[in-house]
Full PDB file with SEQRES, HELIX, SHEET, SSBOND, CRYST1, ORIGX, SCALE, CONECT and MASTER records, all heavy atoms in Angstrom:
SEQRES   1 A   38  VAL MET VAL VAL PHE ASP MET VAL ALA ARG TRP LEU ARG          
SEQRES   2 A   38  ALA ASP GLY TYR ASP LEU THR TYR VAL ARG ASN ILE THR          
SEQRES   3 A   38  ASP ILE ASP ASP LYS ILE ILE LYS ARG ALA ALA GLU              
HELIX    1 AA1 MET A    2  ALA A   14  1                                  13    
HELIX    2 AA2 ASP A   30  ALA A   37  1                                   8    
CRYST1    1.000    1.000    1.000  90.00  90.00  90.00 P 1           1          
ORIGX1      1.000000  0.000000  0.000000        0.00000                         
ORIGX2      0.000000  1.000000  0.000000        0.00000                         
ORIGX3      0.000000  0.000000  1.000000        0.00000                         
SCALE1      1.000000  0.000000  0.000000        0.00000                         
SCALE2      0.000000  1.000000  0.000000        0.00000                         
SCALE3      0.000000  0.000000  1.000000        0.00000                         
ATOM      1  N   VAL A   1     150.148  53.332  73.063  1.00  0.00           N  
ATOM      2  CA  VAL A   1     150.852  52.308  73.854  1.00  0.00           C  
ATOM      3  C   VAL A   1     149.893  51.183  74.229  1.00  0.00           C  
ATOM      4  O   VAL A   1     150.211  49.997  74.076  1.00  0.00           O  
ATOM      5  CB  VAL A   1     151.479  52.929  75.122  1.00  0.00           C  
ATOM      6  CG1 VAL A   1     152.010  51.830  76.045  1.00  0.00           C  
ATOM      7  CG2 VAL A   1     152.600  53.881  74.762  1.00  0.00           C  
ATOM      8  N   MET A   2     148.707  51.549  74.721  1.00  0.00           N  
ATOM      9  CA  MET A   2     147.755  50.534  75.162  1.00  0.00           C  
ATOM     10  C   MET A   2     147.318  49.642  74.008  1.00  0.00           C  
ATOM     11  O   MET A   2     147.280  48.407  74.131  1.00  0.00           O  
ATOM     12  CB  MET A   2     146.544  51.193  75.819  1.00  0.00           C  
ATOM     13  CG  MET A   2     146.838  51.796  77.179  1.00  0.00           C  
ATOM     14  SD  MET A   2     145.356  52.267  78.114  1.00  0.00           S  
ATOM     15  CE  MET A   2     144.845  53.743  77.250  1.00  0.00           C  
ATOM     16  N   VAL A   3     146.976  50.252  72.860  1.00  0.00           N  
ATOM     17  CA  VAL A   3     146.486  49.477  71.718  1.00  0.00           C  
ATOM     18  C   VAL A   3     147.602  48.626  71.123  1.00  0.00           C  
ATOM     19  O   VAL A   3     147.411  47.448  70.807  1.00  0.00           O  
ATOM     20  CB  VAL A   3     145.868  50.404  70.652  1.00  0.00           C  
ATOM     21  CG1 VAL A   3     145.585  49.635  69.357  1.00  0.00           C  
ATOM     22  CG2 VAL A   3     144.577  51.031  71.172  1.00  0.00           C  
ATOM     23  N   VAL A   4     148.789  49.226  70.961  1.00  0.00           N  
ATOM     24  CA  VAL A   4     149.900  48.484  70.337  1.00  0.00           C  
ATOM     25  C   VAL A   4     150.253  47.242  71.145  1.00  0.00           C  
ATOM     26  O   VAL A   4     150.369  46.130  70.592  1.00  0.00           O  
ATOM     27  CB  VAL A   4     151.133  49.400  70.180  1.00  0.00           C  
ATOM     28  CG1 VAL A   4     152.407  48.571  69.969  1.00  0.00           C  
ATOM     29  CG2 VAL A   4     150.934  50.351  69.019  1.00  0.00           C  
ATOM     30  N   PHE A   5     150.418  47.393  72.457  1.00  0.00           N  
ATOM     31  CA  PHE A   5     150.859  46.224  73.217  1.00  0.00           C  
ATOM     32  C   PHE A   5     149.708  45.272  73.542  1.00  0.00           C  
ATOM     33  O   PHE A   5     149.944  44.091  73.819  1.00  0.00           O  
ATOM     34  CB  PHE A   5     151.657  46.666  74.441  1.00  0.00           C  
ATOM     35  CG  PHE A   5     153.014  47.177  74.039  1.00  0.00           C  
ATOM     36  CD1 PHE A   5     153.257  48.545  73.930  1.00  0.00           C  
ATOM     37  CD2 PHE A   5     154.021  46.295  73.698  1.00  0.00           C  
ATOM     38  CE1 PHE A   5     154.499  49.010  73.510  1.00  0.00           C  
ATOM     39  CE2 PHE A   5     155.259  46.748  73.276  1.00  0.00           C  
ATOM     40  CZ  PHE A   5     155.500  48.114  73.182  1.00  0.00           C  
ATOM     41  N   ASP A   6     148.478  45.743  73.448  1.00  0.00           N  
ATOM     42  CA  ASP A   6     147.345  44.829  73.456  1.00  0.00           C  
ATOM     43  C   ASP A   6     147.378  43.974  72.199  1.00  0.00           C  
ATOM     44  O   ASP A   6     147.135  42.761  72.245  1.00  0.00           O  
ATOM     45  CB  ASP A   6     146.030  45.615  73.531  1.00  0.00           C  
ATOM     46  CG  ASP A   6     144.806  44.716  73.491  1.00  0.00           C  
ATOM     47  OD1 ASP A   6     144.580  43.974  74.473  1.00  0.00           O  
ATOM     48  OD2 ASP A   6     144.070  44.744  72.473  1.00  0.00           O  
ATOM     49  N   MET A   7     147.681  44.594  71.064  1.00  0.00           N  
ATOM     50  CA  MET A   7     147.822  43.850  69.808  1.00  0.00           C  
ATOM     51  C   MET A   7     148.950  42.828  69.909  1.00  0.00           C  
ATOM     52  O   MET A   7     148.797  41.663  69.497  1.00  0.00           O  
ATOM     53  CB  MET A   7     148.078  44.832  68.663  1.00  0.00           C  
ATOM     54  CG  MET A   7     148.445  44.194  67.320  1.00  0.00           C  
ATOM     55  SD  MET A   7     150.234  43.874  67.126  1.00  0.00           S  
ATOM     56  CE  MET A   7     150.910  45.524  67.078  1.00  0.00           C  
ATOM     57  N   VAL A   8     150.090  43.241  70.471  1.00  0.00           N  
ATOM     58  CA  VAL A   8     151.220  42.316  70.626  1.00  0.00           C  
ATOM     59  C   VAL A   8     150.819  41.140  71.514  1.00  0.00           C  
ATOM     60  O   VAL A   8     151.096  39.975  71.192  1.00  0.00           O  
ATOM     61  CB  VAL A   8     152.441  43.060  71.208  1.00  0.00           C  
ATOM     62  CG1 VAL A   8     153.535  42.072  71.611  1.00  0.00           C  
ATOM     63  CG2 VAL A   8     152.987  44.067  70.198  1.00  0.00           C  
ATOM     64  N   ALA A   9     150.150  41.436  72.619  1.00  0.00           N  
ATOM     65  CA  ALA A   9     149.721  40.369  73.532  1.00  0.00           C  
ATOM     66  C   ALA A   9     148.746  39.424  72.839  1.00  0.00           C  
ATOM     67  O   ALA A   9     148.853  38.190  72.974  1.00  0.00           O  
ATOM     68  CB  ALA A   9     149.080  40.976  74.781  1.00  0.00           C  
ATOM     69  N   ARG A  10     147.781  39.975  72.108  1.00  0.00           N  
ATOM     70  CA  ARG A  10     146.813  39.130  71.401  1.00  0.00           C  
ATOM     71  C   ARG A  10     147.507  38.226  70.391  1.00  0.00           C  
ATOM     72  O   ARG A  10     147.163  37.048  70.260  1.00  0.00           O  
ATOM     73  CB  ARG A  10     145.777  40.007  70.684  1.00  0.00           C  
ATOM     74  CG  ARG A  10     144.742  40.680  71.599  1.00  0.00           C  
ATOM     75  CD  ARG A  10     143.927  41.687  70.795  1.00  0.00           C  
ATOM     76  NE  ARG A  10     142.944  42.403  71.582  1.00  0.00           N  
ATOM     77  CZ  ARG A  10     141.664  42.075  71.689  1.00  0.00           C  
ATOM     78  NH1 ARG A  10     141.217  41.012  71.048  1.00  0.00           N  
ATOM     79  NH2 ARG A  10     140.827  42.797  72.403  1.00  0.00           N  
ATOM     80  N   TRP A  11     148.489  38.795  69.666  1.00  0.00           N  
ATOM     81  CA  TRP A  11     149.141  37.968  68.642  1.00  0.00           C  
ATOM     82  C   TRP A  11     150.031  36.907  69.274  1.00  0.00           C  
ATOM     83  O   TRP A  11     150.081  35.768  68.790  1.00  0.00           O  
ATOM     84  CB  TRP A  11     149.944  38.801  67.655  1.00  0.00           C  
ATOM     85  CG  TRP A  11     150.536  37.904  66.607  1.00  0.00           C  
ATOM     86  CD1 TRP A  11     151.843  37.622  66.392  1.00  0.00           C  
ATOM     87  CD2 TRP A  11     149.799  37.081  65.678  1.00  0.00           C  
ATOM     88  NE1 TRP A  11     151.986  36.691  65.389  1.00  0.00           N  
ATOM     89  CE2 TRP A  11     150.741  36.345  64.932  1.00  0.00           C  
ATOM     90  CE3 TRP A  11     148.448  36.913  65.415  1.00  0.00           C  
ATOM     91  CZ2 TRP A  11     150.367  35.458  63.932  1.00  0.00           C  
ATOM     92  CZ3 TRP A  11     148.063  36.020  64.417  1.00  0.00           C  
ATOM     93  CH2 TRP A  11     149.014  35.297  63.682  1.00  0.00           C  
ATOM     94  N   LEU A  12     150.748  37.238  70.335  1.00  0.00           N  
ATOM     95  CA  LEU A  12     151.566  36.215  70.983  1.00  0.00           C  
ATOM     96  C   LEU A  12     150.696  35.032  71.411  1.00  0.00           C  
ATOM     97  O   LEU A  12     151.087  33.863  71.240  1.00  0.00           O  
ATOM     98  CB  LEU A  12     152.287  36.806  72.195  1.00  0.00           C  
ATOM     99  CG  LEU A  12     153.456  37.744  71.883  1.00  0.00           C  
ATOM    100  CD1 LEU A  12     153.917  38.466  73.137  1.00  0.00           C  
ATOM    101  CD2 LEU A  12     154.623  36.969  71.264  1.00  0.00           C  
ATOM    102  N   ARG A  13     149.526  35.321  71.947  1.00  0.00           N  
ATOM    103  CA  ARG A  13     148.621  34.237  72.357  1.00  0.00           C  
ATOM    104  C   ARG A  13     148.058  33.496  71.148  1.00  0.00           C  
ATOM    105  O   ARG A  13     147.983  32.262  71.154  1.00  0.00           O  
ATOM    106  CB  ARG A  13     147.512  34.805  73.240  1.00  0.00           C  
ATOM    107  CG  ARG A  13     148.030  35.209  74.626  1.00  0.00           C  
ATOM    108  CD  ARG A  13     147.022  35.933  75.471  1.00  0.00           C  
ATOM    109  NE  ARG A  13     147.537  36.154  76.825  1.00  0.00           N  
ATOM    110  CZ  ARG A  13     147.419  37.282  77.517  1.00  0.00           C  
ATOM    111  NH1 ARG A  13     146.745  38.308  77.005  1.00  0.00           N  
ATOM    112  NH2 ARG A  13     147.931  37.385  78.725  1.00  0.00           N  
ATOM    113  N   ALA A  14     147.678  34.231  70.099  1.00  0.00           N  
ATOM    114  CA  ALA A  14     147.169  33.580  68.893  1.00  0.00           C  
ATOM    115  C   ALA A  14     148.253  32.730  68.234  1.00  0.00           C  
ATOM    116  O   ALA A  14     147.963  31.711  67.592  1.00  0.00           O  
ATOM    117  CB  ALA A  14     146.650  34.625  67.903  1.00  0.00           C  
ATOM    118  N   ASP A  15     149.514  33.142  68.405  1.00  0.00           N  
ATOM    119  CA  ASP A  15     150.641  32.425  67.815  1.00  0.00           C  
ATOM    120  C   ASP A  15     151.051  31.223  68.662  1.00  0.00           C  
ATOM    121  O   ASP A  15     152.029  30.547  68.339  1.00  0.00           O  
ATOM    122  CB  ASP A  15     151.823  33.384  67.673  1.00  0.00           C  
ATOM    123  CG  ASP A  15     152.540  33.247  66.328  1.00  0.00           C  
ATOM    124  OD1 ASP A  15     151.988  32.593  65.432  1.00  0.00           O  
ATOM    125  OD2 ASP A  15     153.647  33.790  66.193  1.00  0.00           O  
ATOM    126  N   GLY A  16     150.328  30.998  69.767  1.00  0.00           N  
ATOM    127  CA  GLY A  16     150.545  29.786  70.543  1.00  0.00           C  
ATOM    128  C   GLY A  16     151.365  29.945  71.798  1.00  0.00           C  
ATOM    129  O   GLY A  16     151.650  28.950  72.477  1.00  0.00           O  
ATOM    130  N   TYR A  17     151.742  31.172  72.143  1.00  0.00           N  
ATOM    131  CA  TYR A  17     152.556  31.360  73.344  1.00  0.00           C  
ATOM    132  C   TYR A  17     151.668  31.528  74.584  1.00  0.00           C  
ATOM    133  O   TYR A  17     150.628  32.179  74.536  1.00  0.00           O  
ATOM    134  CB  TYR A  17     153.447  32.594  73.203  1.00  0.00           C  
ATOM    135  CG  TYR A  17     154.509  32.424  72.152  1.00  0.00           C  
ATOM    136  CD1 TYR A  17     154.324  32.933  70.863  1.00  0.00           C  
ATOM    137  CD2 TYR A  17     155.688  31.741  72.429  1.00  0.00           C  
ATOM    138  CE1 TYR A  17     155.284  32.765  69.883  1.00  0.00           C  
ATOM    139  CE2 TYR A  17     156.658  31.569  71.452  1.00  0.00           C  
ATOM    140  CZ  TYR A  17     156.452  32.079  70.180  1.00  0.00           C  
ATOM    141  OH  TYR A  17     157.402  31.900  69.208  1.00  0.00           O  
ATOM    142  N   ASP A  18     152.114  30.943  75.678  1.00  0.00           N  
ATOM    143  CA  ASP A  18     151.498  31.144  76.978  1.00  0.00           C  
ATOM    144  C   ASP A  18     152.109  32.423  77.543  1.00  0.00           C  
ATOM    145  O   ASP A  18     153.228  32.421  78.049  1.00  0.00           O  
ATOM    146  CB  ASP A  18     151.788  29.941  77.878  1.00  0.00           C  
ATOM    147  CG  ASP A  18     151.217  30.108  79.279  1.00  0.00           C  
ATOM    148  OD1 ASP A  18     150.438  31.052  79.507  1.00  0.00           O  
ATOM    149  OD2 ASP A  18     151.575  29.293  80.154  1.00  0.00           O  
ATOM    150  N   LEU A  19     151.376  33.529  77.442  1.00  0.00           N  
ATOM    151  CA  LEU A  19     151.924  34.845  77.745  1.00  0.00           C  
ATOM    152  C   LEU A  19     151.555  35.300  79.147  1.00  0.00           C  
ATOM    153  O   LEU A  19     150.406  35.163  79.572  1.00  0.00           O  
ATOM    154  CB  LEU A  19     151.387  35.877  76.741  1.00  0.00           C  
ATOM    155  CG  LEU A  19     151.710  37.353  77.039  1.00  0.00           C  
ATOM    156  CD1 LEU A  19     153.200  37.620  76.865  1.00  0.00           C  
ATOM    157  CD2 LEU A  19     150.883  38.276  76.153  1.00  0.00           C  
ATOM    158  N   THR A  20     152.533  35.867  79.844  1.00  0.00           N  
ATOM    159  CA  THR A  20     152.281  36.628  81.067  1.00  0.00           C  
ATOM    160  C   THR A  20     152.595  38.083  80.752  1.00  0.00           C  
ATOM    161  O   THR A  20     153.736  38.419  80.400  1.00  0.00           O  
ATOM    162  CB  THR A  20     153.155  36.153  82.228  1.00  0.00           C  
ATOM    163  OG1 THR A  20     152.920  34.760  82.459  1.00  0.00           O  
ATOM    164  CG2 THR A  20     152.838  36.931  83.494  1.00  0.00           C  
ATOM    165  N   TYR A  21     151.575  38.939  80.855  1.00  0.00           N  
ATOM    166  CA  TYR A  21     151.688  40.342  80.451  1.00  0.00           C  
ATOM    167  C   TYR A  21     151.519  41.230  81.680  1.00  0.00           C  
ATOM    168  O   TYR A  21     150.504  41.182  82.363  1.00  0.00           O  
ATOM    169  CB  TYR A  21     150.617  40.646  79.397  1.00  0.00           C  
ATOM    170  CG  TYR A  21     150.522  42.087  78.947  1.00  0.00           C  
ATOM    171  CD1 TYR A  21     151.558  42.996  79.098  1.00  0.00           C  
ATOM    172  CD2 TYR A  21     149.354  42.535  78.324  1.00  0.00           C  
ATOM    173  CE1 TYR A  21     151.448  44.294  78.669  1.00  0.00           C  
ATOM    174  CE2 TYR A  21     149.229  43.848  77.884  1.00  0.00           C  
ATOM    175  CZ  TYR A  21     150.284  44.722  78.061  1.00  0.00           C  
ATOM    176  OH  TYR A  21     150.170  46.018  77.634  1.00  0.00           O  
ATOM    177  N   VAL A  22     152.538  42.053  81.943  1.00  0.00           N  
ATOM    178  CA  VAL A  22     152.534  42.983  83.079  1.00  0.00           C  
ATOM    179  C   VAL A  22     152.623  44.411  82.548  1.00  0.00           C  
ATOM    180  O   VAL A  22     153.477  44.709  81.703  1.00  0.00           O  
ATOM    181  CB  VAL A  22     153.728  42.718  84.019  1.00  0.00           C  
ATOM    182  CG1 VAL A  22     153.723  43.706  85.183  1.00  0.00           C  
ATOM    183  CG2 VAL A  22     153.716  41.279  84.522  1.00  0.00           C  
ATOM    184  N   ARG A  23     151.728  45.277  83.022  1.00  0.00           N  
ATOM    185  CA  ARG A  23     151.832  46.719  82.716  1.00  0.00           C  
ATOM    186  C   ARG A  23     151.645  47.484  84.021  1.00  0.00           C  
ATOM    187  O   ARG A  23     150.621  47.347  84.687  1.00  0.00           O  
ATOM    188  CB  ARG A  23     150.762  47.142  81.700  1.00  0.00           C  
ATOM    189  CG  ARG A  23     150.975  48.577  81.179  1.00  0.00           C  
ATOM    190  CD  ARG A  23     149.846  49.014  80.264  1.00  0.00           C  
ATOM    191  NE  ARG A  23     148.605  49.191  81.021  1.00  0.00           N  
ATOM    192  CZ  ARG A  23     147.393  49.039  80.503  1.00  0.00           C  
ATOM    193  NH1 ARG A  23     147.244  48.661  79.248  1.00  0.00           N  
ATOM    194  NH2 ARG A  23     146.330  49.230  81.263  1.00  0.00           N  
ATOM    195  N   ASN A  24     152.633  48.267  84.385  1.00  0.00           N  
ATOM    196  CA  ASN A  24     152.635  48.900  85.706  1.00  0.00           C  
ATOM    197  C   ASN A  24     151.807  50.177  85.755  1.00  0.00           C  
ATOM    198  O   ASN A  24     151.425  50.752  84.730  1.00  0.00           O  
ATOM    199  CB  ASN A  24     154.064  49.208  86.136  1.00  0.00           C  
ATOM    200  CG  ASN A  24     154.607  50.433  85.430  1.00  0.00           C  
ATOM    201  OD1 ASN A  24     154.765  50.429  84.212  1.00  0.00           O  
ATOM    202  ND2 ASN A  24     154.887  51.471  86.187  1.00  0.00           N  
ATOM    203  N   ILE A  25     151.562  50.642  86.961  1.00  0.00           N  
ATOM    204  CA  ILE A  25     150.926  51.930  87.217  1.00  0.00           C  
ATOM    205  C   ILE A  25     151.831  52.720  88.153  1.00  0.00           C  
ATOM    206  O   ILE A  25     152.173  52.243  89.243  1.00  0.00           O  
ATOM    207  CB  ILE A  25     149.538  51.750  87.868  1.00  0.00           C  
ATOM    208  CG1 ILE A  25     148.574  51.050  86.900  1.00  0.00           C  
ATOM    209  CG2 ILE A  25     148.964  53.097  88.300  1.00  0.00           C  
ATOM    210  CD1 ILE A  25     147.250  50.653  87.531  1.00  0.00           C  
ATOM    211  N   THR A  26     152.244  53.898  87.715  1.00  0.00           N  
ATOM    212  CA  THR A  26     153.023  54.785  88.573  1.00  0.00           C  
ATOM    213  C   THR A  26     152.048  55.633  89.374  1.00  0.00           C  
ATOM    214  O   THR A  26     151.366  56.496  88.815  1.00  0.00           O  
ATOM    215  CB  THR A  26     153.954  55.686  87.735  1.00  0.00           C  
ATOM    216  OG1 THR A  26     154.878  54.871  87.018  1.00  0.00           O  
ATOM    217  CG2 THR A  26     154.723  56.652  88.628  1.00  0.00           C  
ATOM    218  N   ASP A  27     151.973  55.374  90.679  1.00  0.00           N  
ATOM    219  CA  ASP A  27     151.002  56.089  91.511  1.00  0.00           C  
ATOM    220  C   ASP A  27     151.679  56.929  92.593  1.00  0.00           C  
ATOM    221  O   ASP A  27     151.039  57.327  93.568  1.00  0.00           O  
ATOM    222  CB  ASP A  27     149.983  55.128  92.123  1.00  0.00           C  
ATOM    223  CG  ASP A  27     150.605  54.073  93.018  1.00  0.00           C  
ATOM    224  OD1 ASP A  27     151.841  53.905  92.985  1.00  0.00           O  
ATOM    225  OD2 ASP A  27     149.852  53.410  93.757  1.00  0.00           O  
ATOM    226  N   ILE A  28     152.975  57.204  92.410  1.00  0.00           N  
ATOM    227  CA  ILE A  28     153.664  58.167  93.275  1.00  0.00           C  
ATOM    228  C   ILE A  28     154.813  58.772  92.475  1.00  0.00           C  
ATOM    229  O   ILE A  28     155.660  58.063  91.933  1.00  0.00           O  
ATOM    230  CB  ILE A  28     154.193  57.519  94.591  1.00  0.00           C  
ATOM    231  CG1 ILE A  28     154.792  58.569  95.507  1.00  0.00           C  
ATOM    232  CG2 ILE A  28     155.158  56.392  94.293  1.00  0.00           C  
ATOM    233  CD1 ILE A  28     153.810  59.576  96.042  1.00  0.00           C  
ATOM    234  N   ASP A  29     154.806  60.088  92.311  1.00  0.00           N  
ATOM    235  CA  ASP A  29     155.931  60.805  91.725  1.00  0.00           C  
ATOM    236  C   ASP A  29     155.685  62.303  91.897  1.00  0.00           C  
ATOM    237  O   ASP A  29     154.675  62.723  92.467  1.00  0.00           O  
ATOM    238  CB  ASP A  29     156.168  60.412  90.257  1.00  0.00           C  
ATOM    239  CG  ASP A  29     155.374  61.226  89.254  1.00  0.00           C  
ATOM    240  OD1 ASP A  29     154.270  61.702  89.602  1.00  0.00           O  
ATOM    241  OD2 ASP A  29     155.861  61.402  88.132  1.00  0.00           O  
ATOM    242  N   ASP A  30     156.605  63.129  91.428  1.00  0.00           N  
ATOM    243  CA  ASP A  30     156.523  64.574  91.646  1.00  0.00           C  
ATOM    244  C   ASP A  30     155.237  65.167  91.077  1.00  0.00           C  
ATOM    245  O   ASP A  30     154.597  66.017  91.709  1.00  0.00           O  
ATOM    246  CB  ASP A  30     157.728  65.274  91.007  1.00  0.00           C  
ATOM    247  CG  ASP A  30     159.046  64.926  91.693  1.00  0.00           C  
ATOM    248  OD1 ASP A  30     158.994  64.440  92.837  1.00  0.00           O  
ATOM    249  OD2 ASP A  30     160.108  65.135  91.083  1.00  0.00           O  
ATOM    250  N   LYS A  31     154.856  64.740  89.860  1.00  0.00           N  
ATOM    251  CA  LYS A  31     153.661  65.313  89.223  1.00  0.00           C  
ATOM    252  C   LYS A  31     152.396  64.966  90.001  1.00  0.00           C  
ATOM    253  O   LYS A  31     151.482  65.781  90.115  1.00  0.00           O  
ATOM    254  CB  LYS A  31     153.553  64.808  87.782  1.00  0.00           C  
ATOM    255  CG  LYS A  31     154.639  65.327  86.864  1.00  0.00           C  
ATOM    256  CD  LYS A  31     154.507  64.742  85.467  1.00  0.00           C  
ATOM    257  CE  LYS A  31     155.604  65.247  84.548  1.00  0.00           C  
ATOM    258  NZ  LYS A  31     155.510  64.639  83.195  1.00  0.00           N  
ATOM    259  N   ILE A  32     152.346  63.757  90.506  1.00  0.00           N  
ATOM    260  CA  ILE A  32     151.184  63.333  91.292  1.00  0.00           C  
ATOM    261  C   ILE A  32     151.077  64.151  92.571  1.00  0.00           C  
ATOM    262  O   ILE A  32     150.001  64.640  92.937  1.00  0.00           O  
ATOM    263  CB  ILE A  32     151.274  61.826  91.599  1.00  0.00           C  
ATOM    264  CG1 ILE A  32     151.076  61.007  90.312  1.00  0.00           C  
ATOM    265  CG2 ILE A  32     150.239  61.420  92.655  1.00  0.00           C  
ATOM    266  CD1 ILE A  32     151.345  59.529  90.475  1.00  0.00           C  
ATOM    267  N   ILE A  33     152.206  64.296  93.270  1.00  0.00           N  
ATOM    268  CA  ILE A  33     152.209  65.064  94.514  1.00  0.00           C  
ATOM    269  C   ILE A  33     151.787  66.506  94.250  1.00  0.00           C  
ATOM    270  O   ILE A  33     150.973  67.081  94.980  1.00  0.00           O  
ATOM    271  CB  ILE A  33     153.603  65.008  95.161  1.00  0.00           C  
ATOM    272  CG1 ILE A  33     153.919  63.572  95.615  1.00  0.00           C  
ATOM    273  CG2 ILE A  33     153.700  65.969  96.337  1.00  0.00           C  
ATOM    274  CD1 ILE A  33     155.360  63.354  96.021  1.00  0.00           C  
ATOM    275  N   LYS A  34     152.315  67.104  93.183  1.00  0.00           N  
ATOM    276  CA  LYS A  34     151.994  68.492  92.840  1.00  0.00           C  
ATOM    277  C   LYS A  34     150.516  68.648  92.497  1.00  0.00           C  
ATOM    278  O   LYS A  34     149.848  69.573  92.970  1.00  0.00           O  
ATOM    279  CB  LYS A  34     152.864  68.934  91.665  1.00  0.00           C  
ATOM    280  CG  LYS A  34     152.671  70.392  91.233  1.00  0.00           C  
ATOM    281  CD  LYS A  34     153.699  70.756  90.174  1.00  0.00           C  
ATOM    282  CE  LYS A  34     153.580  72.222  89.759  1.00  0.00           C  
ATOM    283  NZ  LYS A  34     152.374  72.477  88.978  1.00  0.00           N  
ATOM    284  N   ARG A  35     149.980  67.742  91.685  1.00  0.00           N  
ATOM    285  CA  ARG A  35     148.578  67.840  91.263  1.00  0.00           C  
ATOM    286  C   ARG A  35     147.634  67.662  92.460  1.00  0.00           C  
ATOM    287  O   ARG A  35     146.623  68.365  92.579  1.00  0.00           O  
ATOM    288  CB  ARG A  35     148.270  66.803  90.179  1.00  0.00           C  
ATOM    289  CG  ARG A  35     146.839  66.868  89.623  1.00  0.00           C  
ATOM    290  CD  ARG A  35     146.528  68.190  88.944  1.00  0.00           C  
ATOM    291  NE  ARG A  35     147.458  68.512  87.888  1.00  0.00           N  
ATOM    292  CZ  ARG A  35     147.356  68.050  86.633  1.00  0.00           C  
ATOM    293  NH1 ARG A  35     146.337  67.251  86.314  1.00  0.00           N  
ATOM    294  NH2 ARG A  35     148.232  68.405  85.716  1.00  0.00           N  
ATOM    295  N   ALA A  36     147.938  66.709  93.330  1.00  0.00           N  
ATOM    296  CA  ALA A  36     147.090  66.494  94.510  1.00  0.00           C  
ATOM    297  C   ALA A  36     147.075  67.735  95.393  1.00  0.00           C  
ATOM    298  O   ALA A  36     146.025  68.134  95.915  1.00  0.00           O  
ATOM    299  CB  ALA A  36     147.583  65.284  95.297  1.00  0.00           C  
ATOM    300  N   ALA A  37     148.242  68.378  95.546  1.00  0.00           N  
ATOM    301  CA  ALA A  37     148.307  69.596  96.351  1.00  0.00           C  
ATOM    302  C   ALA A  37     147.501  70.714  95.712  1.00  0.00           C  
ATOM    303  O   ALA A  37     146.786  71.462  96.391  1.00  0.00           O  
ATOM    304  CB  ALA A  37     149.765  70.014  96.532  1.00  0.00           C  
ATOM    305  N   GLU A  38     147.601  70.828  94.389  1.00  0.00           N  
ATOM    306  CA  GLU A  38     146.842  71.864  93.675  1.00  0.00           C  
ATOM    307  C   GLU A  38     145.338  71.652  93.817  1.00  0.00           C  
ATOM    308  O   GLU A  38     144.570  72.614  93.947  1.00  0.00           O  
ATOM    309  CB  GLU A  38     147.219  71.862  92.193  1.00  0.00           C  
ATOM    310  CG  GLU A  38     148.618  72.340  91.896  1.00  0.00           C  
ATOM    311  CD  GLU A  38     149.042  72.119  90.462  1.00  0.00           C  
ATOM    312  OE1 GLU A  38     148.331  71.371  89.729  1.00  0.00           O  
ATOM    313  OE2 GLU A  38     150.080  72.672  90.059  1.00  0.00           O  
TER     314      GLU A  38                                                      
MASTER        0    0    0    2    0    0    0    6  313    1    0    3          
END                                                                             
């Protein structure tokens, strides 16, 4: 995922587009709560 959409972002910019690229971070969910407790 990281490499593919980095490639997409690089090409959009090389192709002349002014790109705004957002990639989120999920820092709260069931797995996180469970792992922190463990």
